[in-house]
Amino acid sequence: MDSIDFDLDRDFVELNQLLKLAGLCDSGGAGKQLVASGAVRVDGAVELRKTAKIRAGQRVRVGDVEIRVVAAA
């Protein structure tokens, strides 16, 4: 499994934007489609809300890639 640490420099990031910023899709729209397909899990549970607020400490998984969201120093 691949892991990506994403430094969050604000209170939250919308899920579809996180997928784009982490390089897992080309655009926010592609991120929305990925979420709608049921392929995205947040903290182990399938997440279908495309603009779910993702905060520091959460983990997002797509396939065999896990994004660890960490607070920027």
N, C-alpha and C. Protein backbone atom coordinates (compact mmCIF):
# COMPACT_ATOMS: atom_id res chain seq x y z
N MET A 1 0.84 -1.18 0.00
CA MET A 1 0.00 0.00 0.00
C MET A 1 0.89 1.24 0.00
N ASP A 2 0.54 2.21 -0.83
CA ASP A 2 1.25 3.48 -0.87
C ASP A 2 0.62 4.44 0.12
N SER A 3 1.43 5.29 0.73
CA SER A 3 0.94 6.30 1.67
C SER A 3 1.39 7.68 1.22
N ILE A 4 0.50 8.63 1.39
CA ILE A 4 0.79 10.02 1.08
C ILE A 4 0.47 10.83 2.33
N ASP A 5 1.40 11.66 2.77
CA ASP A 5 1.11 12.60 3.85
C ASP A 5 0.72 13.92 3.21
N PHE A 6 -0.49 14.40 3.53
CA PHE A 6 -0.98 15.66 2.99
C PHE A 6 -0.98 16.69 4.10
N ASP A 7 -0.20 17.76 3.92
CA ASP A 7 -0.12 18.83 4.92
C ASP A 7 -1.30 19.78 4.74
N LEU A 8 -2.17 19.81 5.73
CA LEU A 8 -3.36 20.65 5.69
C LEU A 8 -3.04 22.00 6.31
N ASP A 9 -3.17 23.07 5.52
CA ASP A 9 -2.81 24.40 5.98
C ASP A 9 -4.03 25.26 6.32
N ARG A 10 -5.18 24.63 6.50
CA ARG A 10 -6.42 25.32 6.86
C ARG A 10 -7.25 24.39 7.74
N ASP A 11 -8.48 24.77 8.07
CA ASP A 11 -9.32 23.96 8.96
C ASP A 11 -9.71 22.64 8.33
N PHE A 12 -10.03 22.67 7.03
CA PHE A 12 -10.47 21.45 6.33
C PHE A 12 -10.23 21.61 4.84
N VAL A 13 -10.31 20.49 4.13
CA VAL A 13 -10.28 20.48 2.66
C VAL A 13 -11.43 19.60 2.21
N GLU A 14 -12.10 19.99 1.13
CA GLU A 14 -13.20 19.17 0.62
C GLU A 14 -12.60 17.91 -0.01
N LEU A 15 -13.31 16.81 0.16
CA LEU A 15 -12.80 15.50 -0.26
C LEU A 15 -12.40 15.49 -1.73
N ASN A 16 -13.25 16.00 -2.62
CA ASN A 16 -12.92 15.96 -4.04
C ASN A 16 -11.65 16.77 -4.35
N GLN A 17 -11.46 17.88 -3.63
CA GLN A 17 -10.26 18.69 -3.82
C GLN A 17 -9.01 17.99 -3.26
N LEU A 18 -9.17 17.28 -2.16
CA LEU A 18 -8.05 16.53 -1.59
C LEU A 18 -7.55 15.49 -2.60
N LEU A 19 -8.47 14.80 -3.23
CA LEU A 19 -8.07 13.78 -4.21
C LEU A 19 -7.28 14.40 -5.36
N LYS A 20 -7.69 15.60 -5.78
CA LYS A 20 -6.98 16.31 -6.84
C LYS A 20 -5.61 16.78 -6.34
N LEU A 21 -5.57 17.42 -5.18
CA LEU A 21 -4.32 17.95 -4.65
C LEU A 21 -3.30 16.86 -4.34
N ALA A 22 -3.78 15.68 -3.98
CA ALA A 22 -2.89 14.56 -3.68
C ALA A 22 -2.43 13.84 -4.95
N GLY A 23 -2.98 14.24 -6.10
CA GLY A 23 -2.56 13.66 -7.37
C GLY A 23 -3.25 12.37 -7.75
N LEU A 24 -4.38 12.06 -7.10
CA LEU A 24 -5.08 10.82 -7.41
C LEU A 24 -6.07 10.97 -8.56
N CYS A 25 -6.34 12.21 -8.96
CA CYS A 25 -7.19 12.47 -10.12
C CYS A 25 -6.78 13.81 -10.70
N ASP A 26 -7.25 14.10 -11.91
CA ASP A 26 -6.80 15.29 -12.65
C ASP A 26 -7.54 16.57 -12.30
N SER A 27 -8.75 16.44 -11.76
CA SER A 27 -9.55 17.64 -11.49
C SER A 27 -10.51 17.38 -10.34
N GLY A 28 -11.10 18.47 -9.83
CA GLY A 28 -12.11 18.33 -8.78
C GLY A 28 -13.31 17.55 -9.29
N GLY A 29 -13.66 17.75 -10.56
CA GLY A 29 -14.78 17.01 -11.15
C GLY A 29 -14.51 15.52 -11.21
N ALA A 30 -13.27 15.16 -11.56
CA ALA A 30 -12.90 13.74 -11.57
C ALA A 30 -12.92 13.19 -10.15
N GLY A 31 -12.56 14.03 -9.19
CA GLY A 31 -12.62 13.62 -7.78
C GLY A 31 -14.05 13.33 -7.36
N LYS A 32 -14.98 14.18 -7.81
CA LYS A 32 -16.39 13.97 -7.49
C LYS A 32 -16.88 12.65 -8.06
N GLN A 33 -16.48 12.33 -9.29
CA GLN A 33 -16.89 11.06 -9.91
C GLN A 33 -16.31 9.88 -9.14
N LEU A 34 -15.07 10.01 -8.70
CA LEU A 34 -14.43 8.93 -7.94
C LEU A 34 -15.17 8.68 -6.64
N VAL A 35 -15.55 9.76 -5.94
CA VAL A 35 -16.30 9.63 -4.69
C VAL A 35 -17.66 9.00 -4.97
N ALA A 36 -18.35 9.48 -6.01
CA ALA A 36 -19.69 8.97 -6.34
C ALA A 36 -19.67 7.48 -6.68
N SER A 37 -18.54 6.99 -7.17
CA SER A 37 -18.44 5.58 -7.55
C SER A 37 -18.35 4.66 -6.34
N GLY A 38 -18.14 5.24 -5.15
CA GLY A 38 -18.04 4.42 -3.94
C GLY A 38 -16.64 3.88 -3.69
N ALA A 39 -15.65 4.40 -4.41
CA ALA A 39 -14.29 3.89 -4.31
C ALA A 39 -13.47 4.56 -3.22
N VAL A 40 -14.05 5.55 -2.52
CA VAL A 40 -13.29 6.33 -1.55
C VAL A 40 -13.78 6.00 -0.13
N ARG A 41 -12.81 5.75 0.75
CA ARG A 41 -13.14 5.50 2.16
C ARG A 41 -12.47 6.57 3.02
N VAL A 42 -13.19 7.05 4.01
CA VAL A 42 -12.65 8.01 4.97
C VAL A 42 -12.73 7.35 6.34
N ASP A 43 -11.58 7.21 6.98
CA ASP A 43 -11.50 6.54 8.28
C ASP A 43 -12.17 5.17 8.25
N GLY A 44 -12.01 4.45 7.14
CA GLY A 44 -12.50 3.08 7.02
C GLY A 44 -13.91 2.92 6.50
N ALA A 45 -14.67 4.00 6.38
CA ALA A 45 -16.06 3.91 5.93
C ALA A 45 -16.20 4.54 4.54
N VAL A 46 -17.02 3.92 3.69
CA VAL A 46 -17.26 4.48 2.36
C VAL A 46 -17.88 5.87 2.52
N GLU A 47 -17.32 6.82 1.78
CA GLU A 47 -17.81 8.21 1.84
C GLU A 47 -18.38 8.59 0.47
N LEU A 48 -19.65 8.95 0.44
CA LEU A 48 -20.31 9.31 -0.81
C LEU A 48 -20.55 10.82 -0.94
N ARG A 49 -20.25 11.58 0.10
CA ARG A 49 -20.40 13.04 0.04
C ARG A 49 -19.17 13.62 -0.65
N LYS A 50 -19.37 14.15 -1.83
CA LYS A 50 -18.24 14.61 -2.65
C LYS A 50 -17.47 15.75 -2.00
N THR A 51 -18.16 16.59 -1.25
CA THR A 51 -17.48 17.74 -0.63
C THR A 51 -17.40 17.59 0.89
N ALA A 52 -17.31 16.35 1.36
CA ALA A 52 -17.15 16.10 2.79
C ALA A 52 -15.93 16.86 3.29
N LYS A 53 -16.03 17.44 4.47
CA LYS A 53 -14.93 18.20 5.05
C LYS A 53 -13.93 17.24 5.69
N ILE A 54 -12.73 17.24 5.17
CA ILE A 54 -11.67 16.36 5.67
C ILE A 54 -10.74 17.22 6.52
N ARG A 55 -10.51 16.77 7.75
CA ARG A 55 -9.71 17.53 8.71
C ARG A 55 -8.44 16.76 9.08
N ALA A 56 -7.51 17.46 9.70
CA ALA A 56 -6.26 16.84 10.14
C ALA A 56 -6.57 15.65 11.04
N GLY A 57 -5.82 14.57 10.85
CA GLY A 57 -6.01 13.36 11.65
C GLY A 57 -6.82 12.30 10.93
N GLN A 58 -7.48 12.67 9.84
CA GLN A 58 -8.29 11.69 9.12
C GLN A 58 -7.44 10.97 8.07
N ARG A 59 -7.93 9.81 7.69
CA ARG A 59 -7.26 9.00 6.66
C ARG A 59 -8.24 8.72 5.54
N VAL A 60 -7.78 8.93 4.32
CA VAL A 60 -8.60 8.72 3.13
C VAL A 60 -7.92 7.63 2.30
N ARG A 61 -8.71 6.65 1.88
CA ARG A 61 -8.14 5.55 1.09
C ARG A 61 -8.87 5.42 -0.24
N VAL A 62 -8.07 5.29 -1.29
CA VAL A 62 -8.59 5.01 -2.63
C VAL A 62 -7.77 3.86 -3.17
N GLY A 63 -8.40 2.70 -3.36
CA GLY A 63 -7.67 1.53 -3.80
C GLY A 63 -6.58 1.18 -2.81
N ASP A 64 -5.34 1.10 -3.29
CA ASP A 64 -4.23 0.75 -2.39
C ASP A 64 -3.42 1.97 -1.97
N VAL A 65 -4.01 3.16 -2.11
CA VAL A 65 -3.34 4.40 -1.70
C VAL A 65 -4.07 4.99 -0.50
N GLU A 66 -3.29 5.32 0.54
CA GLU A 66 -3.87 5.97 1.72
C GLU A 66 -3.27 7.36 1.87
N ILE A 67 -4.16 8.34 2.06
CA ILE A 67 -3.72 9.72 2.32
C ILE A 67 -3.91 9.99 3.80
N ARG A 68 -2.82 10.35 4.46
CA ARG A 68 -2.88 10.74 5.87
C ARG A 68 -2.89 12.26 5.91
N VAL A 69 -3.95 12.83 6.45
CA VAL A 69 -4.07 14.28 6.51
C VAL A 69 -3.47 14.75 7.83
N VAL A 70 -2.44 15.58 7.72
CA VAL A 70 -1.75 16.07 8.91
C VAL A 70 -1.77 17.59 8.94
N ALA A 71 -1.82 18.15 10.13
CA ALA A 71 -1.81 19.61 10.29
C ALA A 71 -0.44 20.15 9.90
N ALA A 72 -0.43 21.15 9.05
CA ALA A 72 0.83 21.79 8.66
C ALA A 72 1.44 22.49 9.86
N ALA A 73 2.75 22.41 9.96
CA ALA A 73 3.44 23.03 11.11
C ALA A 73 3.47 24.54 11.00
